[in-house]
Amino acid sequence: MKKVLLLLIVAFVISCKNEPKNEVKTTVKKVEVKEESFPAELGKVFEAHGGIDTWRNAEILSFKKGNEVHSIDLKSRINVIHAPKYAVGFDGTNVWLDEAEEGSFKGNPAFYHNLFFYFYAMPFVLADEGITYEKIAPLTFDNVEYPGYKISFNADAGSSPDDNYKLYYNPKTYQMEWLAYTATFSTKKTSDKFNVIKYGKWNNVNGLVLPSEITWFKTDEAGVPAEAARPAMVFMEASINKNDLTDSFFSKPVK
């Protein structure tokens, strides 16, 4: 018994001598960094407009166009437009229309409810999921060459996946300056006809550089902008807020 006890004491002492002193065990936590799908040059464009992280951390975007107030939940993309005689919205399932008098709203609610959100939220909406990017020839206007990318969508992306966009940016500042786009909502067919918008003025909205006005341009036979087709569309009273809205804010009013 004494021999066994002695052997145990010796083993314990040897074990203590062999154990490193002041050893601190650390656990290395593996952090997965998301690899962005957009090209590095477009990343610089997003950065020039406040940064993609600032955009992704934003919650509720609101802006005014004419007498319409547009409000969008940037996480779910549910939205509502309030005007004096009508409201149009998307509650996550259905597009709805509410009119003070029948015929007050002119247009197609399914097409219109997020139309100007997409124009207003450029260039950030071009970082959505399900997008393919292609480097294209620059657009030349007033002897300035604007580098560009063509943006197309996967078949399951949105209500108009056949739409295509071309974004052109300032080669020095990387700010977006031109947008060319096709409209396929009604026909559901691809198109080679591009409408062109000049993004000329910007506002800083809680760290995001978003347009204060945009102007549609006429183009020549080669698709190059020639002259303004109509007066500039002005956006006002823009804001980014925390989401403290209830679901009913985006739902059709119950009467």
Protein backbone atom coordinates (compact mmCIF):
# COMPACT_ATOMS: atom_id res chain seq x y z
CA MET A 1 0.00 0.00 0.00
CA LYS A 2 2.88 2.38 0.91
CA LYS A 3 4.63 1.53 -2.38
CA VAL A 4 1.47 2.29 -4.34
CA LEU A 5 1.02 5.57 -2.51
CA LEU A 6 4.66 6.49 -3.13
CA LEU A 7 4.34 5.74 -6.83
CA LEU A 8 1.24 7.93 -7.05
CA ILE A 9 3.06 10.82 -5.34
CA VAL A 10 6.04 10.49 -7.69
CA ALA A 11 3.76 10.37 -10.74
CA PHE A 12 1.91 13.48 -9.57
CA VAL A 13 5.17 15.41 -9.03
CA ILE A 14 6.52 14.41 -12.46
CA SER A 15 3.22 15.41 -14.04
CA CYS A 16 3.33 18.84 -12.38
CA LYS A 17 6.92 19.38 -13.54
CA ASN A 18 6.05 18.51 -17.13
CA GLU A 19 2.99 20.78 -17.25
CA PRO A 20 3.87 24.19 -18.76
CA LYS A 21 3.53 27.02 -16.28
CA ASN A 22 1.29 30.02 -16.94
CA GLU A 23 -0.12 28.36 -20.05
CA VAL A 24 -3.13 30.27 -21.37
CA LYS A 25 -5.45 28.31 -23.58
CA THR A 26 -7.09 30.40 -26.27
CA THR A 27 -9.88 29.56 -28.63
CA VAL A 28 -9.57 31.00 -32.11
CA LYS A 29 -12.98 31.92 -33.46
CA LYS A 30 -13.23 31.61 -37.20
CA VAL A 31 -14.88 34.65 -38.72
CA GLU A 32 -16.37 34.15 -42.15
CA VAL A 33 -16.01 37.20 -44.36
CA LYS A 34 -18.70 37.51 -46.99
CA GLU A 35 -17.30 37.74 -50.47
CA GLU A 36 -19.25 40.34 -52.39
CA SER A 37 -20.60 39.39 -55.78
CA PHE A 38 -20.18 42.81 -57.32
CA PRO A 39 -16.95 43.96 -59.03
CA ALA A 40 -14.39 45.98 -57.08
CA GLU A 41 -15.00 49.06 -59.25
CA LEU A 42 -18.69 49.03 -58.34
CA GLY A 43 -17.61 48.68 -54.73
CA LYS A 44 -15.87 52.04 -55.16
CA VAL A 45 -19.09 53.48 -56.58
CA PHE A 46 -21.03 52.28 -53.53
CA GLU A 47 -18.30 53.70 -51.29
CA ALA A 48 -18.58 57.08 -53.02
CA HIS A 49 -22.27 57.05 -52.09
CA GLY A 50 -21.77 56.23 -48.43
CA GLY A 51 -20.77 52.58 -48.48
CA ILE A 52 -22.60 49.29 -48.89
CA ASP A 53 -22.51 48.59 -45.14
CA THR A 54 -24.24 51.91 -44.41
CA TRP A 55 -26.93 50.95 -46.90
CA ARG A 56 -27.41 47.46 -45.48
CA ASN A 57 -27.68 48.82 -41.95
CA ALA A 58 -30.40 51.31 -42.94
CA GLU A 59 -33.96 50.31 -42.05
CA ILE A 60 -36.71 52.69 -43.22
CA LEU A 61 -36.21 54.98 -46.21
CA SER A 62 -38.68 57.79 -46.92
CA PHE A 63 -38.74 60.49 -49.57
CA LYS A 64 -41.22 62.80 -51.21
CA LYS A 65 -41.91 63.01 -54.96
CA GLY A 66 -44.44 65.66 -55.86
CA ASN A 67 -47.36 65.15 -53.48
CA GLU A 68 -46.46 61.50 -52.85
CA VAL A 69 -44.60 60.27 -49.78
CA HIS A 70 -42.78 56.99 -50.44
CA SER A 71 -41.81 54.79 -47.47
CA ILE A 72 -39.84 51.55 -47.81
CA ASP A 73 -38.72 48.92 -45.33
CA LEU A 74 -35.25 48.25 -46.74
CA LYS A 75 -34.98 44.83 -45.10
CA SER A 76 -38.22 43.30 -46.40
CA ARG A 77 -38.87 45.78 -49.26
CA ILE A 78 -42.50 46.19 -48.22
CA ASN A 79 -43.54 49.71 -49.15
CA VAL A 80 -46.31 52.27 -49.29
CA ILE A 81 -46.97 55.50 -51.18
CA HIS A 82 -49.28 58.02 -49.54
CA ALA A 83 -50.86 60.78 -51.62
CA PRO A 84 -53.82 63.09 -50.85
CA LYS A 85 -56.31 61.09 -52.95
CA TYR A 86 -54.83 57.58 -52.95
CA ALA A 87 -52.38 55.15 -51.40
CA VAL A 88 -50.50 52.31 -53.09
CA GLY A 89 -48.55 49.64 -51.27
CA PHE A 90 -47.02 46.20 -51.06
CA ASP A 91 -47.52 44.37 -47.76
CA GLY A 92 -45.15 41.51 -48.48
CA THR A 93 -47.81 39.39 -50.12
CA ASN A 94 -50.13 41.61 -52.12
CA VAL A 95 -49.96 44.89 -53.99
CA TRP A 96 -52.92 47.04 -53.00
CA LEU A 97 -54.61 50.30 -53.97
CA ASP A 98 -56.79 52.53 -51.82
CA GLU A 99 -58.54 55.49 -53.47
CA ALA A 100 -60.55 58.36 -52.01
CA GLU A 101 -62.55 58.29 -55.24
CA GLU A 102 -62.49 55.62 -57.91
CA GLY A 103 -60.12 56.65 -60.67
CA SER A 104 -58.01 58.91 -58.47
CA PHE A 105 -54.91 56.84 -59.19
CA LYS A 106 -53.71 56.67 -62.78
CA GLY A 107 -51.54 53.69 -63.58
CA ASN A 108 -50.82 50.09 -62.65
CA PRO A 109 -50.27 49.62 -58.88
CA ALA A 110 -48.18 46.46 -59.39
CA PHE A 111 -45.81 48.38 -61.66
CA TYR A 112 -45.82 51.65 -59.75
CA HIS A 113 -45.53 50.75 -56.06
CA ASN A 114 -41.71 50.43 -56.10
CA LEU A 115 -40.85 52.09 -59.41
CA PHE A 116 -39.40 55.31 -58.02
CA PHE A 117 -37.81 53.54 -55.09
CA TYR A 118 -35.55 51.80 -57.60
CA PHE A 119 -34.67 55.04 -59.35
CA TYR A 120 -34.14 56.82 -56.05
CA ALA A 121 -32.12 54.09 -54.33
CA MET A 122 -29.51 53.91 -57.08
CA PRO A 123 -26.80 52.75 -57.06
CA PHE A 124 -27.42 50.56 -53.99
CA VAL A 125 -30.28 48.47 -55.38
CA LEU A 126 -27.77 47.19 -57.93
CA ALA A 127 -26.08 45.28 -55.11
CA ASP A 128 -29.15 43.09 -54.49
CA GLU A 129 -29.02 39.31 -54.67
CA GLY A 130 -29.46 37.52 -57.99
CA ILE A 131 -27.53 39.98 -60.15
CA THR A 132 -24.95 39.44 -62.89
CA TYR A 133 -22.40 42.14 -63.75
CA GLU A 134 -20.68 42.73 -67.07
CA LYS A 135 -18.07 45.39 -67.86
CA ILE A 136 -19.19 47.41 -70.90
CA ALA A 137 -17.84 50.18 -73.13
CA PRO A 138 -17.92 53.63 -71.55
CA LEU A 139 -20.56 56.23 -72.30
CA THR A 140 -19.21 59.47 -73.76
CA PHE A 141 -20.96 62.75 -73.05
CA ASP A 142 -19.48 66.26 -73.38
CA ASN A 143 -16.07 64.72 -74.10
CA VAL A 144 -16.05 62.78 -70.83
CA GLU A 145 -15.90 58.98 -70.84
CA TYR A 146 -17.95 57.35 -68.10
CA PRO A 147 -16.97 53.72 -67.36
CA GLY A 148 -19.91 51.37 -67.05
CA TYR A 149 -21.35 48.02 -66.07
CA LYS A 150 -24.36 46.17 -67.42
CA ILE A 151 -26.56 44.63 -64.75
CA SER A 152 -28.92 41.73 -65.44
CA PHE A 153 -31.06 39.63 -63.11
CA ASN A 154 -31.60 35.95 -62.47
CA ALA A 155 -34.92 34.54 -63.69
CA ASP A 156 -36.34 34.44 -60.14
CA ALA A 157 -35.33 37.99 -59.21
CA GLY A 158 -38.26 40.36 -58.87
CA SER A 159 -41.30 40.97 -61.05
CA SER A 160 -39.28 42.05 -64.11
CA PRO A 161 -36.20 39.81 -64.28
CA ASP A 162 -35.75 40.58 -67.99
CA ASP A 163 -34.98 44.22 -67.20
CA ASN A 164 -31.40 45.30 -67.80
CA TYR A 165 -29.55 48.28 -66.39
CA LYS A 166 -26.37 50.06 -67.37
CA LEU A 167 -24.67 52.10 -64.68
CA TYR A 168 -22.05 54.69 -65.66
CA TYR A 169 -19.90 56.49 -63.11
CA ASN A 170 -17.57 59.46 -62.98
CA PRO A 171 -14.01 58.19 -63.57
CA LYS A 172 -12.57 60.60 -60.99
CA THR A 173 -15.11 60.65 -58.17
CA TYR A 174 -16.72 57.22 -58.77
CA GLN A 175 -20.12 58.81 -58.24
CA MET A 176 -22.90 57.44 -60.43
CA GLU A 177 -23.79 59.84 -63.25
CA TRP A 178 -25.92 57.92 -65.77
CA LEU A 179 -28.42 55.07 -65.73
CA ALA A 180 -29.73 53.29 -68.82
CA TYR A 181 -32.56 50.81 -68.35
CA THR A 182 -35.09 48.70 -70.21
CA ALA A 183 -38.74 48.34 -69.17
CA THR A 184 -40.22 44.87 -69.62
CA PHE A 185 -42.96 44.76 -66.95
CA SER A 186 -45.84 45.02 -69.44
CA THR A 187 -44.44 42.92 -72.29
CA LYS A 188 -42.49 40.36 -70.23
CA LYS A 189 -40.04 40.26 -73.13
CA THR A 190 -36.43 41.33 -73.34
CA SER A 191 -35.76 44.66 -75.02
CA ASP A 192 -32.81 46.40 -76.65
CA LYS A 193 -34.35 49.84 -76.15
CA PHE A 194 -32.73 51.67 -73.26
CA ASN A 195 -34.13 54.73 -71.52
CA VAL A 196 -31.44 57.05 -70.15
CA ILE A 197 -31.42 59.07 -66.92
CA LYS A 198 -28.86 61.68 -65.84
CA TYR A 199 -28.11 61.71 -62.12
CA GLY A 200 -26.91 65.24 -61.57
CA LYS A 201 -27.58 66.37 -58.01
CA TRP A 202 -27.23 64.55 -54.70
CA ASN A 203 -28.10 64.86 -51.01
CA ASN A 204 -26.41 63.29 -48.00
CA VAL A 205 -29.17 61.39 -46.19
CA ASN A 206 -27.85 60.03 -42.89
CA GLY A 207 -24.55 59.09 -44.51
CA LEU A 208 -25.99 57.87 -47.81
CA VAL A 209 -25.50 60.00 -50.92
CA LEU A 210 -28.86 59.76 -52.71
CA PRO A 211 -30.29 61.79 -55.63
CA SER A 212 -32.10 65.07 -55.15
CA GLU A 213 -33.08 65.16 -58.83
CA ILE A 214 -32.85 63.03 -61.97
CA THR A 215 -33.44 63.92 -65.62
CA TRP A 216 -34.57 61.69 -68.48
CA PHE A 217 -32.60 62.27 -71.70
CA LYS A 218 -33.37 61.79 -75.36
CA THR A 219 -30.77 59.65 -77.16
CA ASP A 220 -29.44 59.50 -80.71
CA GLU A 221 -29.48 56.39 -82.91
CA ALA A 222 -26.44 55.04 -81.12
CA GLY A 223 -28.10 55.40 -77.72
CA VAL A 224 -25.91 58.33 -76.67
CA PRO A 225 -27.63 61.05 -74.58
CA ALA A 226 -28.46 64.12 -76.63
CA GLU A 227 -30.69 66.49 -74.66
CA ALA A 228 -33.10 66.51 -71.73
CA ALA A 229 -36.44 64.95 -72.64
CA ARG A 230 -38.39 66.58 -69.80
CA PRO A 231 -37.85 68.72 -66.70
CA ALA A 232 -35.89 67.16 -63.86
CA MET A 233 -37.75 65.01 -61.35
CA VAL A 234 -37.12 66.33 -57.85
CA PHE A 235 -36.95 64.28 -54.64
CA MET A 236 -37.41 66.03 -51.30
CA GLU A 237 -37.57 65.46 -47.54
CA ALA A 238 -35.58 62.24 -47.64
CA SER A 239 -34.78 60.44 -44.39
CA ILE A 240 -33.40 57.18 -43.02
CA ASN A 241 -35.02 56.04 -39.77
CA LYS A 242 -35.14 53.10 -37.40
CA ASN A 243 -37.99 50.71 -38.03
CA ASP A 244 -40.55 51.60 -35.37
CA LEU A 245 -43.48 51.13 -37.77
CA THR A 246 -46.17 48.52 -37.32
CA ASP A 247 -47.15 46.13 -40.13
CA SER A 248 -50.43 48.02 -40.50
CA PHE A 249 -48.51 51.03 -41.80
CA PHE A 250 -47.81 49.07 -45.00
CA SER A 251 -51.23 47.39 -45.18
CA LYS A 252 -54.31 48.51 -47.05
CA PRO A 253 -56.52 50.60 -44.77
CA VAL A 254 -59.53 48.77 -43.40
CA LYS A 255 -62.79 50.61 -44.04
